[in-house]
Amino acid sequence: HGYVKGPAVERLYRDARFAELAYGTSEMQRAFIARDSLNRYKPA
């Protein structure tokens, strides 16, 4: 399948897939971080 198989590799891949499902795609995460960062420095 083009990837190394082993307990550590399988766990890391499974955890990465779960994180994407739980927290959204990396693009969504970047958008949320950017929005929160900009809002943090917004003038009062």
PDB file of N, CA and C in Angstrom:
ATOM      1  N   HIS A   1       0.812  -1.210   0.000  1.00  0.00           N
ATOM      2  CA  HIS A   1       0.000   0.000   0.000  1.00  0.00           C
ATOM      3  C   HIS A   1       0.847   1.263   0.000  1.00  0.00           C
ATOM      4  N   GLY A   2       2.145   1.143   0.044  1.00  0.00           N
ATOM      5  CA  GLY A   2       2.993   2.325   0.004  1.00  0.00           C
ATOM      6  C   GLY A   2       3.288   2.934   1.363  1.00  0.00           C
ATOM      7  N   TYR A   3       3.025   2.206   2.439  1.00  0.00           N
ATOM      8  CA  TYR A   3       3.352   2.720   3.764  1.00  0.00           C
ATOM      9  C   TYR A   3       3.914   1.596   4.620  1.00  0.00           C
ATOM     10  N   VAL A   4       4.655   1.990   5.646  1.00  0.00           N
ATOM     11  CA  VAL A   4       5.266   1.022   6.543  1.00  0.00           C
ATOM     12  C   VAL A   4       4.215   0.549   7.531  1.00  0.00           C
ATOM     13  N   LYS A   5       4.211  -0.735   7.797  1.00  0.00           N
ATOM     14  CA  LYS A   5       3.237  -1.285   8.728  1.00  0.00           C
ATOM     15  C   LYS A   5       3.953  -1.667  10.021  1.00  0.00           C
ATOM     16  N   GLY A   6       3.392  -1.287  11.113  1.00  0.00           N
ATOM     17  CA  GLY A   6       3.924  -1.611  12.428  1.00  0.00           C
ATOM     18  C   GLY A   6       3.072  -0.936  13.469  1.00  0.00           C
ATOM     19  N   PRO A   7       3.152  -1.380  14.704  1.00  0.00           N
ATOM     20  CA  PRO A   7       2.278  -0.826  15.742  1.00  0.00           C
ATOM     21  C   PRO A   7       2.369   0.693  15.879  1.00  0.00           C
ATOM     22  N   ALA A   8       3.556   1.248  15.910  1.00  0.00           N
ATOM     23  CA  ALA A   8       3.703   2.699  16.096  1.00  0.00           C
ATOM     24  C   ALA A   8       3.174   3.458  14.883  1.00  0.00           C
ATOM     25  N   VAL A   9       3.509   3.006  13.694  1.00  0.00           N
ATOM     26  CA  VAL A   9       3.068   3.679  12.471  1.00  0.00           C
ATOM     27  C   VAL A   9       1.551   3.601  12.344  1.00  0.00           C
ATOM     28  N   GLU A  10       0.989   2.441  12.612  1.00  0.00           N
ATOM     29  CA  GLU A  10      -0.465   2.287  12.531  1.00  0.00           C
ATOM     30  C   GLU A  10      -1.169   3.196  13.529  1.00  0.00           C
ATOM     31  N   ARG A  11      -0.623   3.288  14.750  1.00  0.00           N
ATOM     32  CA  ARG A  11      -1.230   4.137  15.777  1.00  0.00           C
ATOM     33  C   ARG A  11      -1.158   5.599  15.376  1.00  0.00           C
ATOM     34  N   LEU A  12      -0.008   6.032  14.866  1.00  0.00           N
ATOM     35  CA  LEU A  12       0.133   7.429  14.453  1.00  0.00           C
ATOM     36  C   LEU A  12      -0.830   7.767  13.318  1.00  0.00           C
ATOM     37  N   TYR A  13      -0.950   6.879  12.347  1.00  0.00           N
ATOM     38  CA  TYR A  13      -1.870   7.117  11.230  1.00  0.00           C
ATOM     39  C   TYR A  13      -3.308   7.165  11.724  1.00  0.00           C
ATOM     40  N   ARG A  14      -3.677   6.228  12.579  1.00  0.00           N
ATOM     41  CA  ARG A  14      -5.038   6.182  13.121  1.00  0.00           C
ATOM     42  C   ARG A  14      -5.337   7.440  13.927  1.00  0.00           C
ATOM     43  N   ASP A  15      -4.380   7.875  14.763  1.00  0.00           N
ATOM     44  CA  ASP A  15      -4.570   9.088  15.558  1.00  0.00           C
ATOM     45  C   ASP A  15      -4.695  10.318  14.668  1.00  0.00           C
ATOM     46  N   ALA A  16      -3.905  10.377  13.598  1.00  0.00           N
ATOM     47  CA  ALA A  16      -3.970  11.524  12.687  1.00  0.00           C
ATOM     48  C   ALA A  16      -5.321  11.566  11.988  1.00  0.00           C
ATOM     49  N   ARG A  17      -5.825  10.430  11.569  1.00  0.00           N
ATOM     50  CA  ARG A  17      -7.137  10.378  10.914  1.00  0.00           C
ATOM     51  C   ARG A  17      -8.234  10.780  11.897  1.00  0.00           C
ATOM     52  N   PHE A  18      -8.145  10.315  13.148  1.00  0.00           N
ATOM     53  CA  PHE A  18      -9.146  10.678  14.150  1.00  0.00           C
ATOM     54  C   PHE A  18      -9.117  12.176  14.409  1.00  0.00           C
ATOM     55  N   ALA A  19      -7.924  12.746  14.520  1.00  0.00           N
ATOM     56  CA  ALA A  19      -7.807  14.185  14.779  1.00  0.00           C
ATOM     57  C   ALA A  19      -8.441  14.980  13.644  1.00  0.00           C
ATOM     58  N   GLU A  20      -8.248  14.540  12.412  1.00  0.00           N
ATOM     59  CA  GLU A  20      -8.847  15.245  11.278  1.00  0.00           C
ATOM     60  C   GLU A  20     -10.368  15.185  11.350  1.00  0.00           C
ATOM     61  N   LEU A  21     -10.904  14.047  11.721  1.00  0.00           N
ATOM     62  CA  LEU A  21     -12.358  13.917  11.842  1.00  0.00           C
ATOM     63  C   LEU A  21     -12.886  14.722  13.024  1.00  0.00           C
ATOM     64  N   ALA A  22     -12.165  14.717  14.128  1.00  0.00           N
ATOM     65  CA  ALA A  22     -12.630  15.382  15.343  1.00  0.00           C
ATOM     66  C   ALA A  22     -12.474  16.897  15.272  1.00  0.00           C
ATOM     67  N   TYR A  23     -11.384  17.368  14.671  1.00  0.00           N
ATOM     68  CA  TYR A  23     -11.071  18.794  14.706  1.00  0.00           C
ATOM     69  C   TYR A  23     -11.181  19.471  13.352  1.00  0.00           C
ATOM     70  N   GLY A  24     -11.537  18.757  12.323  1.00  0.00           N
ATOM     71  CA  GLY A  24     -11.641  19.338  10.994  1.00  0.00           C
ATOM     72  C   GLY A  24     -10.333  19.194  10.233  1.00  0.00           C
ATOM     73  N   THR A  25     -10.373  19.564   8.977  1.00  0.00           N
ATOM     74  CA  THR A  25      -9.183  19.445   8.146  1.00  0.00           C
ATOM     75  C   THR A  25      -8.142  20.471   8.564  1.00  0.00           C
ATOM     76  N   SER A  26      -6.928  20.275   8.124  1.00  0.00           N
ATOM     77  CA  SER A  26      -5.863  21.212   8.473  1.00  0.00           C
ATOM     78  C   SER A  26      -6.153  22.600   7.909  1.00  0.00           C
ATOM     79  N   GLU A  27      -6.838  22.675   6.763  1.00  0.00           N
ATOM     80  CA  GLU A  27      -7.196  23.978   6.203  1.00  0.00           C
ATOM     81  C   GLU A  27      -8.187  24.701   7.118  1.00  0.00           C
ATOM     82  N   MET A  28      -9.147  23.949   7.649  1.00  0.00           N
ATOM     83  CA  MET A  28     -10.108  24.551   8.576  1.00  0.00           C
ATOM     84  C   MET A  28      -9.404  25.012   9.849  1.00  0.00           C
ATOM     85  N   GLN A  29      -8.478  24.200  10.351  1.00  0.00           N
ATOM     86  CA  GLN A  29      -7.745  24.567  11.561  1.00  0.00           C
ATOM     87  C   GLN A  29      -6.953  25.848  11.334  1.00  0.00           C
ATOM     88  N   ARG A  30      -6.299  25.961  10.176  1.00  0.00           N
ATOM     89  CA  ARG A  30      -5.539  27.184   9.873  1.00  0.00           C
ATOM     90  C   ARG A  30      -6.463  28.391   9.814  1.00  0.00           C
ATOM     91  N   ALA A  31      -7.641  28.226   9.226  1.00  0.00           N
ATOM     92  CA  ALA A  31      -8.592  29.335   9.143  1.00  0.00           C
ATOM     93  C   ALA A  31      -9.047  29.762  10.536  1.00  0.00           C
ATOM     94  N   PHE A  32      -9.329  28.807  11.412  1.00  0.00           N
ATOM     95  CA  PHE A  32      -9.749  29.139  12.775  1.00  0.00           C
ATOM     96  C   PHE A  32      -8.634  29.851  13.533  1.00  0.00           C
ATOM     97  N   ILE A  33      -7.404  29.360  13.391  1.00  0.00           N
ATOM     98  CA  ILE A  33      -6.267  29.978  14.082  1.00  0.00           C
ATOM     99  C   ILE A  33      -6.062  31.394  13.574  1.00  0.00           C
ATOM    100  N   ALA A  34      -6.141  31.592  12.259  1.00  0.00           N
ATOM    101  CA  ALA A  34      -5.966  32.933  11.690  1.00  0.00           C
ATOM    102  C   ALA A  34      -7.053  33.871  12.189  1.00  0.00           C
ATOM    103  N   ARG A  35      -8.295  33.414  12.168  1.00  0.00           N
ATOM    104  CA  ARG A  35      -9.404  34.252  12.635  1.00  0.00           C
ATOM    105  C   ARG A  35      -9.230  34.622  14.109  1.00  0.00           C
ATOM    106  N   ASP A  36      -8.901  33.653  14.939  1.00  0.00           N
ATOM    107  CA  ASP A  36      -8.726  33.923  16.363  1.00  0.00           C
ATOM    108  C   ASP A  36      -7.548  34.856  16.608  1.00  0.00           C
ATOM    109  N   SER A  37      -6.472  34.690  15.852  1.00  0.00           N
ATOM    110  CA  SER A  37      -5.304  35.564  16.010  1.00  0.00           C
ATOM    111  C   SER A  37      -5.646  36.997  15.625  1.00  0.00           C
ATOM    112  N   LEU A  38      -6.369  37.163  14.520  1.00  0.00           N
ATOM    113  CA  LEU A  38      -6.752  38.510  14.097  1.00  0.00           C
ATOM    114  C   LEU A  38      -7.709  39.151  15.093  1.00  0.00           C
ATOM    115  N   ASN A  39      -8.646  38.379  15.613  1.00  0.00           N
ATOM    116  CA  ASN A  39      -9.589  38.916  16.596  1.00  0.00           C
ATOM    117  C   ASN A  39      -8.896  39.297  17.897  1.00  0.00           C
ATOM    118  N   ARG A  40      -7.849  38.597  18.237  1.00  0.00           N
ATOM    119  CA  ARG A  40      -7.124  38.877  19.475  1.00  0.00           C
ATOM    120  C   ARG A  40      -6.467  40.259  19.421  1.00  0.00           C
ATOM    121  N   TYR A  41      -6.019  40.675  18.243  1.00  0.00           N
ATOM    122  CA  TYR A  41      -5.304  41.946  18.103  1.00  0.00           C
ATOM    123  C   TYR A  41      -6.171  43.041  17.504  1.00  0.00           C
ATOM    124  N   LYS A  42      -7.475  42.840  17.502  1.00  0.00           N
ATOM    125  CA  LYS A  42      -8.402  43.826  16.968  1.00  0.00           C
ATOM    126  C   LYS A  42      -8.454  45.024  17.927  1.00  0.00           C
ATOM    127  N   PRO A  43      -8.385  46.264  17.400  1.00  0.00           N
ATOM    128  CA  PRO A  43      -8.469  47.436  18.281  1.00  0.00           C
ATOM    129  C   PRO A  43      -9.815  47.472  19.002  1.00  0.00           C
ATOM    130  N   ALA A  44      -9.780  47.955  20.222  1.00  0.00           N
ATOM    131  CA  ALA A  44     -11.006  47.995  21.044  1.00  0.00           C
ATOM    132  C   ALA A  44     -11.938  49.103  20.632  1.00  0.00           C
TER     133      ALA A  44
END
